[in-house]
């Protein structure tokens, strides 16, 4: 017997958050989230995204045991300002039972029809700053801090139930060169001189704070034309600062400013925290923090997370400045392996950025869509 129940209490929300820990137990490729952060993200009273969104959470039970979960999300900015009549669903995890998947998705679809929305799409988060897509390639690759891991049957279930792929993201791995190429060094110098640009360096986290709002402005400007884009609201910036600031290392942030000291481009890379989070097992205390701190200090792997460029400077070679800095950083830190953030498959402009690193695609993920 399969029953879908709404999550109405903190106790049930904890069960919702912990379900993947059981589903992926002993899986070497799954990277667990920090439990406390997941609880905060899903808390309608603590996450500022709920100023413009609403969500309902559900757990599926089979024979009295939790067998799946789903978050049903309405983003009002997306619907009212962008005219996308879309119901989002995310935090989707399920055992390999098509009927359980159907029950969960039918529950979401019913809500979408009640709200007179045209289609449903997922798995996605509340905004484009969060995890998205079900894994369709790279099942034997370790996940990252900002991606979901899934078993192969997830996509099979969606397709069996009449869902079609909507957006697809690709990820790349690359070996880091022993030094920046002469071509990149020369081009970087040329671009700095031509446009009067310089690199802004940080020695302490507090030095970064005055630039964070501008970074998010650049993100909005950089990705506004992409199909999944939802503008990041000012009040959400504080939430993301709080969520990710503990992982940030100042020297891993590259900023480029113009002659007027205005930020025109930035890139954030970080040491890979995947192994550290696996060791932490969802908890910062008592030992999770140690593993994260150790990963910051001693690591031969890094992840490319965010890059933003003022539209006026896109296509003018500013990336050469950024990648010369990143290359030199990686060489100083002993980083020999890098991995990109998921990038929309059609976003070839971003994918071209990595060409000097000889990237190899090793993962792919997609959202699935169905008319209501």
Protein backbone atom coordinates (compact mmCIF):
# COMPACT_ATOMS: atom_id res chain seq x y z
CA UNK A 1 0.00 0.00 0.00
CA UNK A 2 1.31 3.46 -0.98
CA UNK A 3 0.23 6.61 0.83
CA UNK A 4 1.38 10.20 0.29
CA UNK A 5 1.29 12.40 3.39
CA UNK A 6 1.87 16.15 3.72
CA UNK A 7 4.75 17.34 5.87
CA UNK A 8 3.17 19.50 8.55
CA UNK A 9 5.54 19.37 11.54
CA UNK A 10 9.24 19.93 12.26
CA UNK A 11 9.48 16.23 13.03
CA UNK A 12 8.12 15.33 9.61
CA UNK A 13 10.40 17.90 7.95
CA UNK A 14 13.39 16.22 9.62
CA UNK A 15 12.22 12.88 8.17
CA UNK A 16 11.94 14.60 4.77
CA UNK A 17 15.53 15.86 5.00
CA UNK A 18 16.93 12.57 6.30
CA UNK A 19 15.29 10.25 3.76
CA UNK A 20 18.17 10.48 1.21
CA UNK A 21 20.63 9.51 3.95
CA UNK A 22 18.92 6.13 4.06
CA UNK A 23 18.31 5.87 0.31
CA UNK A 24 21.95 6.52 -0.57
CA UNK A 25 23.51 4.91 2.46
CA UNK A 26 26.97 3.55 1.60
CA UNK A 27 26.77 5.01 -1.92
CA UNK A 28 30.30 6.32 -2.66
CA UNK A 29 29.08 8.95 -5.15
CA UNK A 30 26.36 10.68 -3.09
CA UNK A 31 27.44 13.82 -1.21
CA UNK A 32 25.15 14.59 1.74
CA UNK A 33 23.97 18.11 2.52
CA UNK A 34 24.41 19.69 5.92
CA UNK A 35 21.21 18.69 7.74
CA UNK A 36 20.80 21.96 9.64
CA UNK A 37 21.17 23.97 6.42
CA UNK A 38 18.60 21.83 4.62
CA UNK A 39 16.16 22.36 7.49
CA UNK A 40 16.68 26.12 7.27
CA UNK A 41 16.37 26.19 3.48
CA UNK A 42 13.01 24.41 3.63
CA UNK A 43 11.71 26.41 6.59
CA UNK A 44 9.08 28.88 5.36
CA UNK A 45 9.82 31.19 8.28
CA UNK A 46 13.61 31.27 7.90
CA UNK A 47 14.30 31.25 4.16
CA UNK A 48 13.63 34.69 2.60
CA UNK A 49 12.77 33.08 -0.74
CA UNK A 50 9.29 32.55 0.67
CA UNK A 51 8.62 36.26 0.28
CA UNK A 52 8.01 35.40 -3.37
CA UNK A 53 7.45 31.67 -3.29
CA UNK A 54 5.44 28.97 -1.58
CA UNK A 55 6.08 25.29 -1.10
CA UNK A 56 4.46 22.13 0.17
CA UNK A 57 6.41 19.01 1.10
CA UNK A 58 5.23 15.41 0.90
CA UNK A 59 6.48 12.00 1.94
CA UNK A 60 5.41 8.77 0.29
CA UNK A 61 5.00 5.70 2.48
CA UNK A 62 4.95 2.13 1.23
CA UNK A 63 3.78 -0.46 3.72
CA UNK A 64 4.38 2.07 6.48
CA UNK A 65 7.98 2.90 5.49
CA UNK A 66 9.16 6.13 3.83
CA UNK A 67 9.68 5.42 0.13
CA UNK A 68 9.95 8.87 -1.45
CA UNK A 69 9.73 12.61 -1.03
CA UNK A 70 8.88 15.69 -3.11
CA UNK A 71 8.75 19.48 -2.67
CA UNK A 72 6.03 21.24 -4.67
CA UNK A 73 7.04 24.86 -5.35
CA UNK A 74 5.39 27.95 -6.77
CA UNK A 75 7.73 30.84 -7.62
CA UNK A 76 5.50 33.91 -7.97
CA UNK A 77 8.17 36.04 -9.66
CA UNK A 78 8.52 33.41 -12.34
CA UNK A 79 4.76 33.24 -12.86
CA UNK A 80 3.75 36.88 -12.52
CA UNK A 81 6.77 38.77 -13.86
CA UNK A 82 8.17 36.28 -16.35
CA UNK A 83 4.82 34.84 -17.45
CA UNK A 84 5.93 31.25 -16.98
CA UNK A 85 2.90 29.25 -15.89
CA UNK A 86 5.11 26.67 -14.21
CA UNK A 87 4.83 24.48 -11.17
CA UNK A 88 8.25 23.56 -9.82
CA UNK A 89 9.06 20.36 -7.99
CA UNK A 90 12.31 19.45 -6.29
CA UNK A 91 13.96 17.60 -3.43
CA UNK A 92 12.71 14.56 -5.28
CA UNK A 93 14.00 11.21 -4.10
CA UNK A 94 12.38 7.82 -4.42
CA UNK A 95 12.97 4.10 -4.23
CA UNK A 96 12.94 2.13 -7.47
CA UNK A 97 9.18 1.77 -7.61
CA UNK A 98 7.36 3.43 -10.50
CA UNK A 99 4.07 3.51 -8.60
CA UNK A 100 5.66 5.51 -5.76
CA UNK A 101 7.06 7.99 -8.27
CA UNK A 102 3.65 8.28 -9.93
CA UNK A 103 1.90 8.95 -6.61
CA UNK A 104 4.34 11.72 -5.73
CA UNK A 105 4.17 13.38 -9.14
CA UNK A 106 0.37 13.06 -9.25
CA UNK A 107 0.25 14.87 -5.90
CA UNK A 108 2.30 17.71 -7.37
CA UNK A 109 0.22 17.81 -10.57
CA UNK A 110 -3.01 18.10 -8.58
CA UNK A 111 -1.66 21.20 -6.84
CA UNK A 112 -0.56 22.67 -10.16
CA UNK A 113 -4.00 22.20 -11.66
CA UNK A 114 -5.65 23.72 -8.60
CA UNK A 115 -3.46 26.79 -9.08
CA UNK A 116 -4.34 26.83 -12.80
CA UNK A 117 -0.74 26.40 -13.92
CA UNK A 118 0.09 25.02 -17.37
CA UNK A 119 2.95 22.63 -16.73
CA UNK A 120 5.24 21.17 -14.09
CA UNK A 121 9.02 20.92 -14.27
CA UNK A 122 11.71 19.48 -12.05
CA UNK A 123 13.63 18.58 -10.16
CA UNK A 124 14.58 22.18 -9.41
CA UNK A 125 14.98 24.39 -6.37
CA UNK A 126 13.24 27.64 -5.52
CA UNK A 127 15.47 29.69 -7.85
CA UNK A 128 18.22 29.20 -10.42
CA UNK A 129 20.81 29.56 -7.65
CA UNK A 130 19.93 26.12 -6.30
CA UNK A 131 20.34 22.52 -7.34
CA UNK A 132 18.55 21.42 -10.49
CA UNK A 133 18.15 18.44 -12.78
CA UNK A 134 18.04 14.69 -12.43
CA UNK A 135 21.31 12.93 -13.18
CA UNK A 136 21.31 11.15 -16.56
CA UNK A 137 25.06 10.60 -17.04
CA UNK A 138 27.90 10.23 -14.58
CA UNK A 139 26.38 7.82 -12.08
CA UNK A 140 29.85 6.63 -11.13
CA UNK A 141 31.20 10.13 -10.53
CA UNK A 142 31.21 11.70 -7.08
CA UNK A 143 28.62 14.46 -6.72
CA UNK A 144 29.43 18.00 -5.59
CA UNK A 145 28.24 20.32 -2.84
CA UNK A 146 25.80 22.06 -5.18
CA UNK A 147 24.35 19.14 -7.15
CA UNK A 148 21.92 16.32 -6.47
CA UNK A 149 22.92 12.72 -7.05
CA UNK A 150 20.39 10.24 -8.45
CA UNK A 151 20.19 6.61 -9.40
CA UNK A 152 19.66 5.77 -13.11
CA UNK A 153 16.05 4.73 -12.57
CA UNK A 154 14.92 8.29 -11.78
CA UNK A 155 15.05 9.41 -15.42
CA UNK A 156 13.53 6.10 -16.49
CA UNK A 157 10.56 6.72 -14.19
CA UNK A 158 10.00 10.23 -15.56
CA UNK A 159 10.05 9.02 -19.15
CA UNK A 160 7.76 6.07 -18.39
CA UNK A 161 5.24 8.54 -16.94
CA UNK A 162 5.20 10.75 -20.03
CA UNK A 163 7.62 13.47 -18.94
CA UNK A 164 9.97 15.01 -21.50
CA UNK A 165 13.37 16.60 -21.06
CA UNK A 166 13.23 20.38 -20.76
CA UNK A 167 16.60 21.83 -19.73
CA UNK A 168 19.90 19.96 -19.79
CA UNK A 169 23.10 20.80 -17.93
CA UNK A 170 26.56 19.43 -18.62
CA UNK A 171 29.58 19.22 -16.32
CA UNK A 172 33.25 18.88 -17.17
CA UNK A 173 36.38 17.64 -15.46
CA UNK A 174 39.84 18.79 -16.41
CA UNK A 175 43.47 18.28 -15.55
CA UNK A 176 45.14 21.48 -14.41
CA UNK A 177 48.20 22.51 -16.41
CA UNK A 178 51.54 22.97 -14.59
CA UNK A 179 51.51 26.67 -15.55
CA UNK A 180 49.47 29.24 -17.48
CA UNK A 181 50.08 29.11 -21.22
CA UNK A 182 52.10 31.90 -22.82
CA UNK A 183 49.07 32.74 -24.97
CA UNK A 184 46.84 33.32 -21.91
CA UNK A 185 49.51 35.38 -20.12
CA UNK A 186 50.10 37.63 -23.13
CA UNK A 187 46.39 38.06 -23.86
CA UNK A 188 45.64 38.83 -20.23
CA UNK A 189 48.27 41.59 -20.20
CA UNK A 190 46.90 43.01 -23.46
CA UNK A 191 43.30 43.15 -22.19
CA UNK A 192 44.33 44.82 -18.93
CA UNK A 193 46.18 47.53 -20.83
CA UNK A 194 43.51 48.00 -23.49
CA UNK A 195 40.60 48.51 -21.08
CA UNK A 196 42.41 49.79 -18.00
CA UNK A 197 41.49 46.74 -15.94
CA UNK A 198 43.15 45.36 -12.85
CA UNK A 199 42.79 42.36 -10.55
CA UNK A 200 41.32 42.90 -7.09
CA UNK A 201 42.80 40.60 -4.45
CA UNK A 202 41.43 39.74 -1.02
CA UNK A 203 43.32 38.75 2.10
CA UNK A 204 40.41 38.28 4.49
CA UNK A 205 36.74 37.30 4.22
CA UNK A 206 35.52 40.63 5.55
CA UNK A 207 37.18 42.36 2.59
CA UNK A 208 34.85 40.48 0.24
CA UNK A 209 31.58 41.62 1.83
CA UNK A 210 31.39 45.09 0.18
CA UNK A 211 31.51 43.40 -3.23
CA UNK A 212 28.96 40.63 -2.73
CA UNK A 213 25.90 42.61 -3.83
CA UNK A 214 27.68 43.67 -7.02
CA UNK A 215 28.63 40.04 -7.70
CA UNK A 216 24.97 39.04 -7.60
CA UNK A 217 24.12 41.95 -9.92
CA UNK A 218 26.68 40.60 -12.37
CA UNK A 219 25.18 37.12 -12.07
CA UNK A 220 21.75 38.49 -12.95
CA UNK A 221 23.21 40.35 -15.93
CA UNK A 222 25.26 37.38 -17.11
CA UNK A 223 22.52 34.75 -17.12
CA UNK A 224 19.34 36.75 -17.77
CA UNK A 225 18.89 35.31 -21.28
CA UNK A 226 18.98 31.66 -20.21
CA UNK A 227 15.76 29.63 -20.16
CA UNK A 228 15.94 28.73 -16.46
CA UNK A 229 16.73 32.24 -15.26
CA UNK A 230 14.84 33.78 -12.35
CA UNK A 231 16.30 37.07 -11.05
CA UNK A 232 17.99 36.83 -7.65
CA UNK A 233 16.16 39.13 -5.26
CA UNK A 234 18.17 41.46 -2.97
CA UNK A 235 16.82 39.85 0.19
CA UNK A 236 17.99 36.44 -1.01
CA UNK A 237 21.60 37.60 -1.22
CA UNK A 238 21.92 37.66 2.58
CA UNK A 239 20.65 34.09 2.74
CA UNK A 240 23.18 32.84 0.20
CA UNK A 241 25.93 34.74 2.00
CA UNK A 242 25.05 32.97 5.21
CA UNK A 243 24.77 29.56 3.53
CA UNK A 244 28.02 29.55 1.58
CA UNK A 245 30.29 32.08 3.31
CA UNK A 246 31.76 29.44 5.63
CA UNK A 247 33.16 27.65 2.58
CA UNK A 248 34.66 30.73 0.91
CA UNK A 249 38.39 31.33 0.88
CA UNK A 250 39.37 34.90 -0.12
CA UNK A 251 42.27 33.90 -2.35
CA UNK A 252 39.96 31.63 -4.37
CA UNK A 253 37.92 34.64 -5.50
CA UNK A 254 39.11 36.56 -8.56
CA UNK A 255 37.64 40.01 -9.20
CA UNK A 256 38.38 42.35 -12.09
CA UNK A 257 37.77 46.10 -11.73
CA UNK A 258 37.88 49.01 -14.15
CA UNK A 259 39.73 52.32 -13.83
CA UNK A 260 36.94 53.64 -11.60
CA UNK A 261 37.31 50.72 -9.18
CA UNK A 262 33.98 49.30 -10.35
CA UNK A 263 33.64 45.52 -10.44
CA UNK A 264 33.20 44.28 -14.02
CA UNK A 265 33.84 40.55 -13.61
CA UNK A 266 34.39 37.89 -10.97
CA UNK A 267 34.90 34.18 -10.58
CA UNK A 268 34.58 31.96 -7.53
CA UNK A 269 36.39 28.65 -7.32
CA UNK A 270 36.73 26.53 -4.21
CA UNK A 271 38.60 23.49 -3.04
CA UNK A 272 36.37 20.46 -3.52
CA UNK A 273 34.31 19.77 -0.39
CA UNK A 274 32.75 16.54 -1.68
CA UNK A 275 34.92 14.14 0.31
CA UNK A 276 34.77 16.37 3.40
CA UNK A 277 30.97 16.45 3.33
CA UNK A 278 30.86 12.67 2.95
CA UNK A 279 32.97 12.37 6.07
CA UNK A 280 30.85 14.95 7.90
CA UNK A 281 27.72 12.83 7.26
CA UNK A 282 25.43 15.82 7.29
CA UNK A 283 26.64 17.44 10.51
CA UNK A 284 28.99 20.35 11.12
CA UNK A 285 29.51 19.36 14.76
CA UNK A 286 31.33 17.74 16.38
CA UNK A 287 33.69 16.64 13.59
CA UNK A 288 32.21 17.92 10.31
CA UNK A 289 33.82 21.32 10.69
CA UNK A 290 37.24 19.69 11.02
CA UNK A 291 36.83 17.85 7.71
CA UNK A 292 35.69 21.05 5.96
CA UNK A 293 38.60 23.07 7.36
CA UNK A 294 41.03 20.35 6.33
CA UNK A 295 39.61 20.35 2.79
CA UNK A 296 40.20 24.10 2.64
CA UNK A 297 43.84 23.78 3.64
CA UNK A 298 44.92 20.60 1.90
CA UNK A 299 43.27 19.58 -1.35
CA UNK A 300 44.36 18.63 -4.85
CA UNK A 301 40.88 19.11 -6.35
CA UNK A 302 38.87 22.27 -6.97
CA UNK A 303 35.44 23.21 -8.25
CA UNK A 304 34.52 26.13 -10.51
CA UNK A 305 31.36 27.58 -8.99
CA UNK A 306 30.34 31.01 -10.26
CA UNK A 307 31.44 33.45 -12.93
CA UNK A 308 29.85 36.77 -13.78
CA UNK A 309 30.85 39.34 -16.39
CA UNK A 310 29.36 42.77 -17.10
CA UNK A 311 27.65 42.53 -20.54
CA UNK A 312 29.74 45.49 -21.72
CA UNK A 313 32.86 43.38 -21.26
CA UNK A 314 31.60 40.04 -22.51
CA UNK A 315 33.49 38.82 -25.55
CA UNK A 316 36.37 41.23 -24.91
CA UNK A 317 38.83 38.77 -23.43
CA UNK A 318 38.28 39.52 -19.75
CA UNK A 319 38.18 35.78 -19.09
CA UNK A 320 41.88 35.61 -19.96
CA UNK A 321 42.59 37.76 -16.90
CA UNK A 322 40.42 35.54 -14.71
CA UNK A 323 41.92 32.30 -15.90
CA UNK A 324 45.49 33.44 -15.61
CA UNK A 325 44.76 34.20 -11.96
CA UNK A 326 42.98 30.88 -11.42
CA UNK A 327 45.77 28.93 -13.11
CA UNK A 328 48.40 30.58 -10.92
CA UNK A 329 46.29 29.96 -7.81
CA UNK A 330 45.86 26.28 -8.62
CA UNK A 331 49.57 25.86 -9.24
CA UNK A 332 50.41 27.50 -5.90
CA UNK A 333 47.91 25.33 -4.06
CA UNK A 334 48.82 22.04 -5.71
CA UNK A 335 45.43 21.69 -7.43
CA UNK A 336 45.75 19.13 -10.21
CA UNK A 337 42.09 18.36 -10.98
CA UNK A 338 39.15 20.71 -11.59
CA UNK A 339 35.42 20.29 -12.08
CA UNK A 340 32.88 22.78 -13.44
CA UNK A 341 29.54 23.79 -12.07
CA UNK A 342 26.58 22.47 -14.12
CA UNK A 343 26.17 24.61 -17.24
CA UNK A 344 23.18 24.67 -19.54
CA UNK A 345 23.99 22.63 -22.61
CA UNK A 346 23.18 25.51 -24.94
CA UNK A 347 25.42 27.89 -22.97
CA UNK A 348 28.38 27.31 -25.25
CA UNK A 349 29.85 30.71 -24.38
CA UNK A 350 30.60 29.55 -20.85
CA UNK A 351 31.79 26.14 -22.02
CA UNK A 352 34.33 27.79 -24.31
CA UNK A 353 35.91 29.37 -21.23
CA UNK A 354 37.40 26.04 -20.22
CA UNK A 355 38.97 25.18 -23.59
CA UNK A 356 42.54 25.82 -22.44
CA UNK A 357 42.05 23.25 -19.65
CA UNK A 358 41.15 20.44 -22.12
CA UNK A 359 37.76 19.69 -20.51
CA UNK A 360 36.08 16.29 -20.70
CA UNK A 361 32.34 16.00 -20.10
CA UNK A 362 31.71 13.52 -17.29
CA UNK A 363 28.18 14.32 -16.10
CA UNK A 364 24.84 15.41 -17.50
CA UNK A 365 21.52 16.18 -15.86
CA UNK A 366 18.11 17.36 -17.05
CA UNK A 367 14.85 18.68 -15.77
CA UNK A 368 11.69 16.94 -16.92
CA UNK A 369 8.47 18.65 -17.96
CA UNK A 370 4.84 17.60 -18.35
CA UNK A 371 1.75 19.60 -19.26
CA UNK A 372 -0.94 19.82 -16.64
